[in-house]
């Protein structure tokens, strides 16, 4: 069950489709307001990113700095 990203014809991100099966994991509150919704989605995404980072190889300091320098140049 994947989150899908919708883009326009130029490839610009326009929307995110979240499968209904994920909603209870993202928003455990039944009567939620928009502020809580935004915070819950942000927390879910940050937790997923942290989980993925745990299984990703760490870069050396030199490699990480080279990557950051290339990002600044582009």
PDB file of N, CA and C in Angstrom:
ATOM      1  N   UNK A   1       0.853  -1.151   0.000  1.00  0.00           N
ATOM      2  CA  UNK A   1       0.000   0.000   0.000  1.00  0.00           C
ATOM      3  C   UNK A   1       0.907   1.223   0.000  1.00  0.00           C
ATOM      4  N   UNK A   2       0.951   1.885  -1.135  1.00  0.00           N
ATOM      5  CA  UNK A   2       1.844   3.018  -1.317  1.00  0.00           C
ATOM      6  C   UNK A   2       1.079   4.322  -1.419  1.00  0.00           C
ATOM      7  N   UNK A   3       1.717   5.370  -0.958  1.00  0.00           N
ATOM      8  CA  UNK A   3       1.212   6.716  -1.167  1.00  0.00           C
ATOM      9  C   UNK A   3       1.554   7.075  -2.603  1.00  0.00           C
ATOM     10  N   UNK A   4       0.617   7.673  -3.323  1.00  0.00           N
ATOM     11  CA  UNK A   4       0.850   8.040  -4.712  1.00  0.00           C
ATOM     12  C   UNK A   4       0.958   9.549  -4.840  1.00  0.00           C
ATOM     13  N   UNK A   5       1.806   9.981  -5.751  1.00  0.00           N
ATOM     14  CA  UNK A   5       2.005  11.398  -6.004  1.00  0.00           C
ATOM     15  C   UNK A   5       1.458  11.723  -7.388  1.00  0.00           C
ATOM     16  N   UNK A   6       0.620  12.738  -7.469  1.00  0.00           N
ATOM     17  CA  UNK A   6       0.056  13.164  -8.736  1.00  0.00           C
ATOM     18  C   UNK A   6       0.798  14.403  -9.219  1.00  0.00           C
ATOM     19  N   UNK A   7       1.157  14.385 -10.490  1.00  0.00           N
ATOM     20  CA  UNK A   7       1.885  15.506 -11.069  1.00  0.00           C
ATOM     21  C   UNK A   7       1.140  16.056 -12.274  1.00  0.00           C
ATOM     22  N   UNK A   8       1.471  17.290 -12.639  1.00  0.00           N
ATOM     23  CA  UNK A   8       0.895  17.870 -13.844  1.00  0.00           C
ATOM     24  C   UNK A   8       1.716  17.412 -15.040  1.00  0.00           C
ATOM     25  N   UNK A   9       1.384  17.908 -16.223  1.00  0.00           N
ATOM     26  CA  UNK A   9       2.069  17.459 -17.439  1.00  0.00           C
ATOM     27  C   UNK A   9       3.547  17.836 -17.461  1.00  0.00           C
ATOM     28  N   UNK A  10       3.950  18.792 -16.623  1.00  0.00           N
ATOM     29  CA  UNK A  10       5.356  19.189 -16.540  1.00  0.00           C
ATOM     30  C   UNK A  10       6.118  18.453 -15.445  1.00  0.00           C
ATOM     31  N   UNK A  11       5.439  17.560 -14.770  1.00  0.00           N
ATOM     32  CA  UNK A  11       6.089  16.792 -13.714  1.00  0.00           C
ATOM     33  C   UNK A  11       6.086  17.461 -12.353  1.00  0.00           C
ATOM     34  N   UNK A  12       5.378  18.580 -12.215  1.00  0.00           N
ATOM     35  CA  UNK A  12       5.300  19.277 -10.924  1.00  0.00           C
ATOM     36  C   UNK A  12       4.298  18.579 -10.018  1.00  0.00           C
ATOM     37  N   UNK A  13       4.687  18.368  -8.774  1.00  0.00           N
ATOM     38  CA  UNK A  13       3.829  17.707  -7.803  1.00  0.00           C
ATOM     39  C   UNK A  13       2.579  18.545  -7.554  1.00  0.00           C
ATOM     40  N   UNK A  14       1.411  17.906  -7.645  1.00  0.00           N
ATOM     41  CA  UNK A  14       0.143  18.594  -7.460  1.00  0.00           C
ATOM     42  C   UNK A  14      -0.666  18.060  -6.289  1.00  0.00           C
ATOM     43  N   UNK A  15      -0.559  16.765  -6.008  1.00  0.00           N
ATOM     44  CA  UNK A  15      -1.374  16.182  -4.945  1.00  0.00           C
ATOM     45  C   UNK A  15      -0.765  14.864  -4.491  1.00  0.00           C
ATOM     46  N   UNK A  16      -1.226  14.434  -3.329  1.00  0.00           N
ATOM     47  CA  UNK A  16      -0.802  13.155  -2.772  1.00  0.00           C
ATOM     48  C   UNK A  16      -2.057  12.337  -2.496  1.00  0.00           C
ATOM     49  N   UNK A  17      -2.040  11.081  -2.922  1.00  0.00           N
ATOM     50  CA  UNK A  17      -3.157  10.178  -2.672  1.00  0.00           C
ATOM     51  C   UNK A  17      -2.732   9.228  -1.561  1.00  0.00           C
ATOM     52  N   UNK A  18      -3.483   9.254  -0.470  1.00  0.00           N
ATOM     53  CA  UNK A  18      -3.191   8.395   0.672  1.00  0.00           C
ATOM     54  C   UNK A  18      -4.258   7.303   0.727  1.00  0.00           C
ATOM     55  N   UNK A  19      -3.864   6.032   0.582  1.00  0.00           N
ATOM     56  CA  UNK A  19      -4.843   4.946   0.629  1.00  0.00           C
ATOM     57  C   UNK A  19      -5.632   4.942   1.938  1.00  0.00           C
ATOM     58  N   UNK A  20      -6.879   4.601   1.851  1.00  0.00           N
ATOM     59  CA  UNK A  20      -7.760   4.593   3.016  1.00  0.00           C
ATOM     60  C   UNK A  20      -7.212   3.694   4.122  1.00  0.00           C
ATOM     61  N   UNK A  21      -6.533   2.619   3.760  1.00  0.00           N
ATOM     62  CA  UNK A  21      -5.991   1.706   4.763  1.00  0.00           C
ATOM     63  C   UNK A  21      -4.962   2.383   5.669  1.00  0.00           C
ATOM     64  N   UNK A  22      -4.326   3.463   5.176  1.00  0.00           N
ATOM     65  CA  UNK A  22      -3.322   4.163   5.975  1.00  0.00           C
ATOM     66  C   UNK A  22      -3.920   5.191   6.926  1.00  0.00           C
ATOM     67  N   UNK A  23      -5.123   5.660   6.654  1.00  0.00           N
ATOM     68  CA  UNK A  23      -5.702   6.722   7.474  1.00  0.00           C
ATOM     69  C   UNK A  23      -5.721   6.412   8.964  1.00  0.00           C
ATOM     70  N   UNK A  24      -6.130   5.210   9.405  1.00  0.00           N
ATOM     71  CA  UNK A  24      -6.123   4.951  10.858  1.00  0.00           C
ATOM     72  C   UNK A  24      -4.720   5.013  11.470  1.00  0.00           C
ATOM     73  N   UNK A  25      -3.685   4.719  10.678  1.00  0.00           N
ATOM     74  CA  UNK A  25      -2.312   4.798  11.180  1.00  0.00           C
ATOM     75  C   UNK A  25      -1.850   6.250  11.272  1.00  0.00           C
ATOM     76  N   UNK A  26      -2.306   7.056  10.329  1.00  0.00           N
ATOM     77  CA  UNK A  26      -1.902   8.459  10.296  1.00  0.00           C
ATOM     78  C   UNK A  26      -2.719   9.271  11.290  1.00  0.00           C
ATOM     79  N   UNK A  27      -4.006   9.006  11.326  1.00  0.00           N
ATOM     80  CA  UNK A  27      -4.925   9.800  12.140  1.00  0.00           C
ATOM     81  C   UNK A  27      -5.722   8.879  13.054  1.00  0.00           C
ATOM     82  N   UNK A  28      -5.206   8.605  14.240  1.00  0.00           N
ATOM     83  CA  UNK A  28      -5.926   7.721  15.151  1.00  0.00           C
ATOM     84  C   UNK A  28      -7.134   8.381  15.823  1.00  0.00           C
ATOM     85  N   UNK A  29      -7.300   9.674  15.618  1.00  0.00           N
ATOM     86  CA  UNK A  29      -8.388  10.419  16.244  1.00  0.00           C
ATOM     87  C   UNK A  29      -9.603  10.401  15.317  1.00  0.00           C
ATOM     88  N   UNK A  30     -10.787  10.123  15.870  1.00  0.00           N
ATOM     89  CA  UNK A  30     -11.981  10.043  15.032  1.00  0.00           C
ATOM     90  C   UNK A  30     -12.484  11.407  14.595  1.00  0.00           C
ATOM     91  N   UNK A  31     -12.635  12.337  15.498  1.00  0.00           N
ATOM     92  CA  UNK A  31     -13.108  13.679  15.158  1.00  0.00           C
ATOM     93  C   UNK A  31     -11.905  14.619  15.136  1.00  0.00           C
ATOM     94  N   UNK A  32     -11.303  14.754  13.969  1.00  0.00           N
ATOM     95  CA  UNK A  32     -10.053  15.501  13.862  1.00  0.00           C
ATOM     96  C   UNK A  32     -10.291  16.815  13.120  1.00  0.00           C
ATOM     97  N   UNK A  33      -9.582  17.867  13.541  1.00  0.00           N
ATOM     98  CA  UNK A  33      -9.685  19.127  12.813  1.00  0.00           C
ATOM     99  C   UNK A  33      -8.509  19.243  11.847  1.00  0.00           C
ATOM    100  N   UNK A  34      -8.498  20.274  11.021  1.00  0.00           N
ATOM    101  CA  UNK A  34      -7.472  20.401   9.987  1.00  0.00           C
ATOM    102  C   UNK A  34      -6.067  20.576  10.565  1.00  0.00           C
ATOM    103  N   UNK A  35      -5.944  21.270  11.688  1.00  0.00           N
ATOM    104  CA  UNK A  35      -4.624  21.430  12.298  1.00  0.00           C
ATOM    105  C   UNK A  35      -4.072  20.085  12.760  1.00  0.00           C
ATOM    106  N   UNK A  36      -4.933  19.279  13.394  1.00  0.00           N
ATOM    107  CA  UNK A  36      -4.512  17.948  13.829  1.00  0.00           C
ATOM    108  C   UNK A  36      -4.183  17.061  12.634  1.00  0.00           C
ATOM    109  N   UNK A  37      -4.947  17.206  11.570  1.00  0.00           N
ATOM    110  CA  UNK A  37      -4.719  16.410  10.357  1.00  0.00           C
ATOM    111  C   UNK A  37      -3.328  16.693   9.801  1.00  0.00           C
ATOM    112  N   UNK A  38      -2.989  17.966   9.652  1.00  0.00           N
ATOM    113  CA  UNK A  38      -1.676  18.331   9.113  1.00  0.00           C
ATOM    114  C   UNK A  38      -0.554  17.803  10.003  1.00  0.00           C
ATOM    115  N   UNK A  39      -0.703  17.945  11.304  1.00  0.00           N
ATOM    116  CA  UNK A  39       0.325  17.474  12.230  1.00  0.00           C
ATOM    117  C   UNK A  39       0.447  15.950  12.195  1.00  0.00           C
ATOM    118  N   UNK A  40      -0.665  15.255  12.116  1.00  0.00           N
ATOM    119  CA  UNK A  40      -0.635  13.794  12.067  1.00  0.00           C
ATOM    120  C   UNK A  40       0.043  13.293  10.801  1.00  0.00           C
ATOM    121  N   UNK A  41      -0.245  13.924   9.677  1.00  0.00           N
ATOM    122  CA  UNK A  41       0.390  13.521   8.421  1.00  0.00           C
ATOM    123  C   UNK A  41       1.891  13.797   8.480  1.00  0.00           C
ATOM    124  N   UNK A  42       2.265  14.946   9.002  1.00  0.00           N
ATOM    125  CA  UNK A  42       3.687  15.280   9.124  1.00  0.00           C
ATOM    126  C   UNK A  42       4.404  14.267  10.021  1.00  0.00           C
ATOM    127  N   UNK A  43       3.812  13.933  11.157  1.00  0.00           N
ATOM    128  CA  UNK A  43       4.422  12.952  12.060  1.00  0.00           C
ATOM    129  C   UNK A  43       4.572  11.599  11.396  1.00  0.00           C
ATOM    130  N   UNK A  44       3.541  11.160  10.672  1.00  0.00           N
ATOM    131  CA  UNK A  44       3.592   9.876   9.988  1.00  0.00           C
ATOM    132  C   UNK A  44       4.733   9.867   8.966  1.00  0.00           C
ATOM    133  N   UNK A  45       4.824  10.923   8.177  1.00  0.00           N
ATOM    134  CA  UNK A  45       5.854  10.989   7.137  1.00  0.00           C
ATOM    135  C   UNK A  45       7.256  11.033   7.740  1.00  0.00           C
ATOM    136  N   UNK A  46       7.425  11.804   8.807  1.00  0.00           N
ATOM    137  CA  UNK A  46       8.727  11.860   9.460  1.00  0.00           C
ATOM    138  C   UNK A  46       9.114  10.503  10.038  1.00  0.00           C
ATOM    139  N   UNK A  47       8.161   9.806  10.635  1.00  0.00           N
ATOM    140  CA  UNK A  47       8.442   8.468  11.176  1.00  0.00           C
ATOM    141  C   UNK A  47       8.817   7.497  10.072  1.00  0.00           C
ATOM    142  N   UNK A  48       8.119   7.566   8.930  1.00  0.00           N
ATOM    143  CA  UNK A  48       8.457   6.694   7.798  1.00  0.00           C
ATOM    144  C   UNK A  48       9.862   7.001   7.295  1.00  0.00           C
ATOM    145  N   UNK A  49      10.215   8.273   7.200  1.00  0.00           N
ATOM    146  CA  UNK A  49      11.548   8.663   6.740  1.00  0.00           C
ATOM    147  C   UNK A  49      12.623   8.163   7.710  1.00  0.00           C
ATOM    148  N   UNK A  50      12.344   8.259   9.011  1.00  0.00           N
ATOM    149  CA  UNK A  50      13.305   7.773   9.998  1.00  0.00           C
ATOM    150  C   UNK A  50      13.452   6.254   9.912  1.00  0.00           C
ATOM    151  N   UNK A  51      12.350   5.544   9.673  1.00  0.00           N
ATOM    152  CA  UNK A  51      12.422   4.091   9.505  1.00  0.00           C
ATOM    153  C   UNK A  51      13.265   3.724   8.294  1.00  0.00           C
ATOM    154  N   UNK A  52      13.070   4.443   7.184  1.00  0.00           N
ATOM    155  CA  UNK A  52      13.860   4.183   5.977  1.00  0.00           C
ATOM    156  C   UNK A  52      15.327   4.506   6.208  1.00  0.00           C
ATOM    157  N   UNK A  53      15.604   5.559   6.962  1.00  0.00           N
ATOM    158  CA  UNK A  53      16.990   5.953   7.224  1.00  0.00           C
ATOM    159  C   UNK A  53      17.728   4.874   8.006  1.00  0.00           C
ATOM    160  N   UNK A  54      17.018   4.156   8.866  1.00  0.00           N
ATOM    161  CA  UNK A  54      17.653   3.097   9.663  1.00  0.00           C
ATOM    162  C   UNK A  54      18.218   2.002   8.771  1.00  0.00           C
ATOM    163  N   UNK A  55      17.586   1.763   7.617  1.00  0.00           N
ATOM    164  CA  UNK A  55      18.043   0.689   6.736  1.00  0.00           C
ATOM    165  C   UNK A  55      18.913   1.200   5.591  1.00  0.00           C
ATOM    166  N   UNK A  56      19.317   2.471   5.648  1.00  0.00           N
ATOM    167  CA  UNK A  56      20.143   3.069   4.607  1.00  0.00           C
ATOM    168  C   UNK A  56      21.576   3.186   5.115  1.00  0.00           C
ATOM    169  N   UNK A  57      22.497   2.868   4.233  1.00  0.00           N
ATOM    170  CA  UNK A  57      23.907   2.955   4.611  1.00  0.00           C
ATOM    171  C   UNK A  57      24.292   4.407   4.886  1.00  0.00           C
ATOM    172  N   UNK A  58      25.119   4.599   5.895  1.00  0.00           N
ATOM    173  CA  UNK A  58      25.589   5.944   6.226  1.00  0.00           C
ATOM    174  C   UNK A  58      26.699   6.361   5.267  1.00  0.00           C
ATOM    175  N   UNK A  59      26.731   7.637   4.934  1.00  0.00           N
ATOM    176  CA  UNK A  59      27.790   8.174   4.094  1.00  0.00           C
ATOM    177  C   UNK A  59      28.954   8.599   4.980  1.00  0.00           C
ATOM    178  N   UNK A  60      30.146   8.528   4.408  1.00  0.00           N
ATOM    179  CA  UNK A  60      31.290   9.077   5.136  1.00  0.00           C
ATOM    180  C   UNK A  60      31.148  10.597   5.155  1.00  0.00           C
ATOM    181  N   UNK A  61      31.868  11.237   6.038  1.00  0.00           N
ATOM    182  CA  UNK A  61      31.798  12.701   6.140  1.00  0.00           C
ATOM    183  C   UNK A  61      32.173  13.336   4.805  1.00  0.00           C
ATOM    184  N   UNK A  62      33.212  12.817   4.172  1.00  0.00           N
ATOM    185  CA  UNK A  62      33.668  13.362   2.893  1.00  0.00           C
ATOM    186  C   UNK A  62      32.601  13.197   1.805  1.00  0.00           C
ATOM    187  N   UNK A  63      32.015  12.028   1.719  1.00  0.00           N
ATOM    188  CA  UNK A  63      30.983  11.777   0.721  1.00  0.00           C
ATOM    189  C   UNK A  63      29.760  12.648   0.965  1.00  0.00           C
ATOM    190  N   UNK A  64      29.382  12.807   2.227  1.00  0.00           N
ATOM    191  CA  UNK A  64      28.225  13.634   2.559  1.00  0.00           C
ATOM    192  C   UNK A  64      28.478  15.093   2.175  1.00  0.00           C
ATOM    193  N   UNK A  65      29.673  15.603   2.448  1.00  0.00           N
ATOM    194  CA  UNK A  65      30.008  16.977   2.088  1.00  0.00           C
ATOM    195  C   UNK A  65      30.024  17.170   0.578  1.00  0.00           C
ATOM    196  N   UNK A  66      30.538  16.188  -0.154  1.00  0.00           N
ATOM    197  CA  UNK A  66      30.524  16.256  -1.618  1.00  0.00           C
ATOM    198  C   UNK A  66      29.090  16.301  -2.133  1.00  0.00           C
ATOM    199  N   UNK A  67      28.229  15.493  -1.556  1.00  0.00           N
ATOM    200  CA  UNK A  67      26.826  15.493  -1.960  1.00  0.00           C
ATOM    201  C   UNK A  67      26.188  16.858  -1.707  1.00  0.00           C
ATOM    202  N   UNK A  68      26.415  17.414  -0.523  1.00  0.00           N
ATOM    203  CA  UNK A  68      25.832  18.730  -0.205  1.00  0.00           C
ATOM    204  C   UNK A  68      26.367  19.816  -1.129  1.00  0.00           C
ATOM    205  N   UNK A  69      27.649  19.768  -1.442  1.00  0.00           N
ATOM    206  CA  UNK A  69      28.230  20.755  -2.355  1.00  0.00           C
ATOM    207  C   UNK A  69      27.603  20.636  -3.739  1.00  0.00           C
ATOM    208  N   UNK A  70      27.376  19.421  -4.202  1.00  0.00           N
ATOM    209  CA  UNK A  70      26.764  19.249  -5.526  1.00  0.00           C
ATOM    210  C   UNK A  70      25.317  19.736  -5.531  1.00  0.00           C
ATOM    211  N   UNK A  71      24.612  19.611  -4.394  1.00  0.00           N
ATOM    212  CA  UNK A  71      23.240  20.105  -4.293  1.00  0.00           C
ATOM    213  C   UNK A  71      23.212  21.629  -4.344  1.00  0.00           C
ATOM    214  N   UNK A  72      24.182  22.257  -3.729  1.00  0.00           N
ATOM    215  CA  UNK A  72      24.251  23.715  -3.715  1.00  0.00           C
ATOM    216  C   UNK A  72      24.524  24.248  -5.132  1.00  0.00           C
ATOM    217  N   UNK A  73      25.370  23.544  -5.857  1.00  0.00           N
ATOM    218  CA  UNK A  73      25.739  23.968  -7.215  1.00  0.00           C
ATOM    219  C   UNK A  73      24.574  23.817  -8.203  1.00  0.00           C
ATOM    220  N   UNK A  74      23.703  22.870  -7.959  1.00  0.00           N
ATOM    221  CA  UNK A  74      22.609  22.631  -8.925  1.00  0.00           C
ATOM    222  C   UNK A  74      21.375  23.416  -8.620  1.00  0.00           C
TER     223      UNK A  74
END
